[in-house]
Amino acid sequence: MSEPVLQLSGIAKSYNRGTPGEVTVLQGIDLQIAAGEIVALVAPSGAGKSTLLHIAGLLDRADAGRVAMGGTDMTDLGDGKRTAARRTDVGFVYQFHHLLPEFSAMENILLPQLANGVARRTAETRARSLLSDVGLEARAEHRPAAMSGGEQQRVAFCRALANQPRLLLADEPTGNLDPATSDQVFAALMGLARGTGLSALIATHNMDLAARMDRQIRLEAGRLIAA
């Protein structure tokens, strides 16, 4: 059996530690995500789902516990190696697209590849392929301001997958969209993930979307429970 793409063991996180105002956000979080598995993380606002995603994606450090990717322990890596691991192994998508406004859709997908040392021609080929996969090849030269919210978010998905990560972490990726657009964008995301065998942890309030994933988990009072 292959190693989990993501394994969290005993993750704990508090803010204002050691002060009267200390807030415990996560306590004893254990989670495994297998290769190709898409998991819904369901939690109310303020429950700590963003903190959990940031720790899983090596953007933040836990107070206790271990983070492993593909069987490699990432917990004690220095900042440089954590940055390199994020660049190659993890893709992020947020509620707001965070595309660079001065660059086209194509350029937004090129930039992370070029930063990772990919040759420009190879990067362009991948960018066009990804845009085609989400039905946006004709919008390749448009800047974000000239695209709809759903189109912007689909480009954000493509950018997140540009460097062919093993793991996608998404924080309410359709939260800013109307229901019809949300469904279209989610379908595009699932198509990309299924087509590449990507593993994903997707935080959402939308139970209809959560039900379309392989597994649902809930974050309550700092702990994970099966949904």
Protein backbone atom coordinates (compact mmCIF):
# COMPACT_ATOMS: atom_id res chain seq x y z
CA MET A 1 0.00 0.00 0.00
CA SER A 2 1.38 3.43 -0.93
CA GLU A 3 2.04 6.10 1.67
CA PRO A 4 -0.72 8.70 2.21
CA VAL A 5 -0.23 11.84 0.18
CA LEU A 6 -0.94 13.79 3.38
CA GLN A 7 -0.70 12.57 6.95
CA LEU A 8 -1.36 14.77 9.97
CA SER A 9 -0.63 13.28 13.39
CA GLY A 10 -1.56 14.91 16.68
CA ILE A 11 -1.73 18.43 15.27
CA ALA A 12 -2.39 21.12 17.88
CA LYS A 13 -2.47 24.88 17.50
CA SER A 14 -3.26 27.74 19.87
CA TYR A 15 -2.99 31.49 19.57
CA ASN A 16 -1.77 33.85 22.30
CA ARG A 17 -0.13 30.87 23.96
CA GLY A 18 0.62 31.22 27.64
CA THR A 19 -1.58 34.28 28.09
CA PRO A 20 -5.00 34.71 29.72
CA GLY A 21 -6.44 35.17 26.22
CA GLU A 22 -5.08 31.88 24.82
CA VAL A 23 -7.37 30.35 22.21
CA THR A 24 -7.07 26.67 21.30
CA VAL A 25 -7.95 26.21 17.64
CA LEU A 26 -6.83 22.65 16.89
CA GLN A 27 -6.26 19.77 19.29
CA GLY A 28 -5.10 16.28 18.46
CA ILE A 29 -5.89 16.38 14.74
CA ASP A 30 -5.19 13.08 12.92
CA LEU A 31 -5.88 12.85 9.20
CA GLN A 32 -4.75 10.77 6.24
CA ILE A 33 -5.52 11.49 2.60
CA ALA A 34 -4.76 8.75 0.08
CA ALA A 35 -3.52 9.21 -3.48
CA GLY A 36 -6.38 10.39 -5.68
CA GLU A 37 -8.74 10.95 -2.74
CA ILE A 38 -10.82 14.13 -2.55
CA VAL A 39 -11.92 15.00 0.98
CA ALA A 40 -14.43 17.65 2.04
CA LEU A 41 -13.62 19.60 5.21
CA VAL A 42 -16.86 20.99 6.62
CA ALA A 43 -16.72 23.56 9.41
CA PRO A 44 -18.46 26.75 10.49
CA SER A 45 -16.67 30.08 10.21
CA GLY A 46 -14.04 30.51 12.92
CA ALA A 47 -13.71 26.78 13.60
CA GLY A 48 -10.08 26.68 12.46
CA LYS A 49 -10.34 25.18 8.99
CA SER A 50 -8.05 27.81 7.44
CA THR A 51 -5.50 27.20 10.19
CA LEU A 52 -5.65 23.47 9.50
CA LEU A 53 -5.17 24.02 5.76
CA HIS A 54 -2.23 26.35 6.38
CA ILE A 55 -0.52 23.79 8.60
CA ALA A 56 -1.21 20.98 6.11
CA GLY A 57 0.22 23.13 3.32
CA LEU A 58 3.34 24.12 5.28
CA LEU A 59 2.34 27.78 5.42
CA ASP A 60 2.13 27.67 9.21
CA ARG A 61 3.68 25.50 11.91
CA ALA A 62 1.72 23.55 14.49
CA ASP A 63 2.50 23.83 18.20
CA ALA A 64 2.57 20.03 18.36
CA GLY A 65 2.20 17.09 16.00
CA ARG A 66 3.69 15.98 12.68
CA VAL A 67 3.02 16.70 9.01
CA ALA A 68 4.11 14.17 6.38
CA MET A 69 3.68 14.13 2.60
CA GLY A 70 4.16 10.92 0.68
CA GLY A 71 5.79 9.39 3.73
CA THR A 72 8.33 12.21 4.13
CA ASP A 73 8.19 14.06 7.44
CA MET A 74 7.97 17.79 6.72
CA THR A 75 7.55 18.99 10.28
CA ASP A 76 11.05 20.12 11.11
CA LEU A 77 12.19 21.30 7.69
CA GLY A 78 13.71 24.77 7.50
CA ASP A 79 11.87 27.59 5.81
CA GLY A 80 13.73 27.19 2.52
CA LYS A 81 12.89 23.50 2.18
CA ARG A 82 9.28 24.13 3.23
CA THR A 83 8.99 26.76 0.49
CA ALA A 84 10.44 24.35 -2.07
CA ALA A 85 8.01 21.63 -0.97
CA ARG A 86 5.05 24.00 -1.29
CA ARG A 87 6.17 24.99 -4.77
CA THR A 88 6.35 21.42 -6.05
CA ASP A 89 3.99 19.34 -3.91
CA VAL A 90 1.08 21.60 -2.94
CA GLY A 91 -1.42 23.73 -4.83
CA PHE A 92 -3.57 26.34 -3.07
CA VAL A 93 -6.94 27.84 -4.01
CA TYR A 94 -8.74 30.40 -1.88
CA GLN A 95 -12.21 31.92 -1.77
CA PHE A 96 -10.90 34.94 -3.69
CA HIS A 97 -8.88 34.11 -6.79
CA HIS A 98 -5.80 36.27 -5.97
CA LEU A 99 -4.79 36.40 -9.63
CA LEU A 100 -2.20 39.05 -10.50
CA PRO A 101 -4.32 41.76 -12.17
CA GLU A 102 -1.63 43.07 -14.52
CA PHE A 103 -1.08 39.66 -16.11
CA SER A 104 -3.24 37.60 -18.46
CA ALA A 105 -4.76 34.24 -17.56
CA MET A 106 -1.95 32.53 -19.46
CA GLU A 107 0.72 34.55 -17.66
CA ASN A 108 -0.80 33.86 -14.25
CA ILE A 109 -0.40 30.13 -14.93
CA LEU A 110 3.06 30.54 -16.46
CA LEU A 111 4.60 32.40 -13.53
CA PRO A 112 4.64 29.60 -10.93
CA GLN A 113 6.10 27.25 -13.53
CA LEU A 114 8.85 29.66 -14.52
CA ALA A 115 9.65 30.24 -10.84
CA ASN A 116 10.03 26.47 -10.55
CA GLY A 117 12.56 26.34 -13.36
CA VAL A 118 10.28 25.05 -16.12
CA ALA A 119 11.26 26.07 -19.66
CA ARG A 120 8.91 28.73 -21.05
CA ARG A 121 7.75 26.67 -24.05
CA THR A 122 6.93 23.71 -21.81
CA ALA A 123 5.15 26.02 -19.37
CA GLU A 124 3.08 27.57 -22.14
CA THR A 125 2.03 24.15 -23.39
CA ARG A 126 0.88 23.13 -19.93
CA ALA A 127 -0.91 26.43 -19.33
CA ARG A 128 -2.86 26.11 -22.58
CA SER A 129 -3.74 22.50 -21.79
CA LEU A 130 -5.07 23.43 -18.35
CA LEU A 131 -7.09 26.33 -19.71
CA SER A 132 -8.53 24.03 -22.34
CA ASP A 133 -9.47 21.51 -19.66
CA VAL A 134 -11.64 24.13 -17.92
CA GLY A 135 -13.07 25.60 -21.13
CA LEU A 136 -11.05 28.82 -21.09
CA GLU A 137 -8.55 28.41 -23.90
CA ALA A 138 -10.15 31.32 -25.75
CA ARG A 139 -9.65 33.54 -22.69
CA ALA A 140 -5.91 32.89 -22.39
CA GLU A 141 -4.87 36.47 -23.15
CA HIS A 142 -7.56 38.16 -21.03
CA ARG A 143 -6.64 39.85 -17.78
CA PRO A 144 -8.67 39.00 -14.64
CA ALA A 145 -10.70 42.22 -14.82
CA ALA A 146 -12.04 41.14 -18.21
CA MET A 147 -13.25 37.78 -16.91
CA SER A 148 -16.26 36.75 -14.83
CA GLY A 149 -15.91 35.54 -11.25
CA GLY A 150 -16.32 31.93 -12.33
CA GLU A 151 -13.70 32.32 -15.04
CA GLN A 152 -11.27 33.93 -12.62
CA GLN A 153 -11.66 31.07 -10.17
CA ARG A 154 -11.15 28.48 -12.90
CA VAL A 155 -7.90 30.22 -13.81
CA ALA A 156 -6.94 30.11 -10.12
CA PHE A 157 -7.46 26.32 -10.20
CA CYS A 158 -5.23 26.07 -13.26
CA ARG A 159 -2.54 28.14 -11.55
CA ALA A 160 -2.72 25.92 -8.46
CA LEU A 161 -2.14 22.84 -10.63
CA ALA A 162 0.51 24.40 -12.86
CA ASN A 163 3.43 22.62 -11.19
CA GLN A 164 1.61 19.28 -11.03
CA PRO A 165 1.35 19.07 -7.22
CA ARG A 166 0.42 15.90 -5.38
CA LEU A 167 -1.99 17.74 -3.08
CA LEU A 168 -4.54 20.50 -3.60
CA LEU A 169 -5.74 22.53 -0.61
CA ALA A 170 -8.79 24.70 -1.25
CA ASP A 171 -10.44 27.08 1.24
CA GLU A 172 -14.07 27.78 0.27
CA PRO A 173 -13.11 27.90 -3.42
CA THR A 174 -16.68 28.62 -4.58
CA GLY A 175 -17.74 30.74 -1.61
CA ASN A 176 -17.89 34.01 -3.57
CA LEU A 177 -19.95 32.62 -6.45
CA ASP A 178 -23.68 32.30 -7.09
CA PRO A 179 -25.09 28.74 -6.92
CA ALA A 180 -25.13 28.08 -10.68
CA THR A 181 -21.60 29.40 -11.19
CA SER A 182 -20.43 27.58 -8.07
CA ASP A 183 -21.65 24.29 -9.51
CA GLN A 184 -19.89 24.93 -12.83
CA VAL A 185 -16.62 25.89 -11.16
CA PHE A 186 -16.74 22.92 -8.81
CA ALA A 187 -17.35 20.60 -11.74
CA ALA A 188 -14.26 22.05 -13.44
CA LEU A 189 -12.21 21.51 -10.29
CA MET A 190 -13.37 17.92 -9.92
CA GLY A 191 -12.65 17.26 -13.58
CA LEU A 192 -9.09 18.54 -13.19
CA ALA A 193 -8.53 16.56 -10.01
CA ARG A 194 -9.97 13.31 -11.34
CA GLY A 195 -8.13 13.67 -14.61
CA THR A 196 -4.75 13.99 -12.92
CA GLY A 197 -5.23 11.65 -9.94
CA LEU A 198 -4.75 14.60 -7.61
CA SER A 199 -5.46 14.36 -3.89
CA ALA A 200 -7.40 17.25 -2.38
CA LEU A 201 -8.65 18.65 0.91
CA ILE A 202 -11.43 21.14 0.18
CA ALA A 203 -13.05 23.28 2.86
CA THR A 204 -16.65 24.16 2.08
CA HIS A 205 -19.92 25.20 3.68
CA ASN A 206 -21.84 23.73 0.77
CA MET A 207 -23.11 20.31 1.77
CA ASP A 208 -24.26 19.53 -1.78
CA LEU A 209 -20.69 19.98 -3.00
CA ALA A 210 -19.27 18.09 -0.02
CA ALA A 211 -21.50 15.12 -0.85
CA ARG A 212 -19.88 14.86 -4.28
CA MET A 213 -16.45 14.25 -2.80
CA ASP A 214 -15.05 10.90 -1.68
CA ARG A 215 -15.30 11.55 2.03
CA GLN A 216 -16.55 14.25 4.39
CA ILE A 217 -15.02 15.26 7.71
CA ARG A 218 -16.13 17.90 10.18
CA LEU A 219 -14.05 20.21 12.34
CA GLU A 220 -15.77 20.90 15.65
CA ALA A 221 -14.30 22.28 18.86
CA GLY A 222 -10.82 21.83 17.46
CA ARG A 223 -11.25 18.14 16.62
CA LEU A 224 -12.01 16.19 13.45
CA ILE A 225 -14.98 13.87 13.29
CA ALA A 226 -16.44 11.84 10.44
CA ALA A 227 -19.36 13.59 8.76
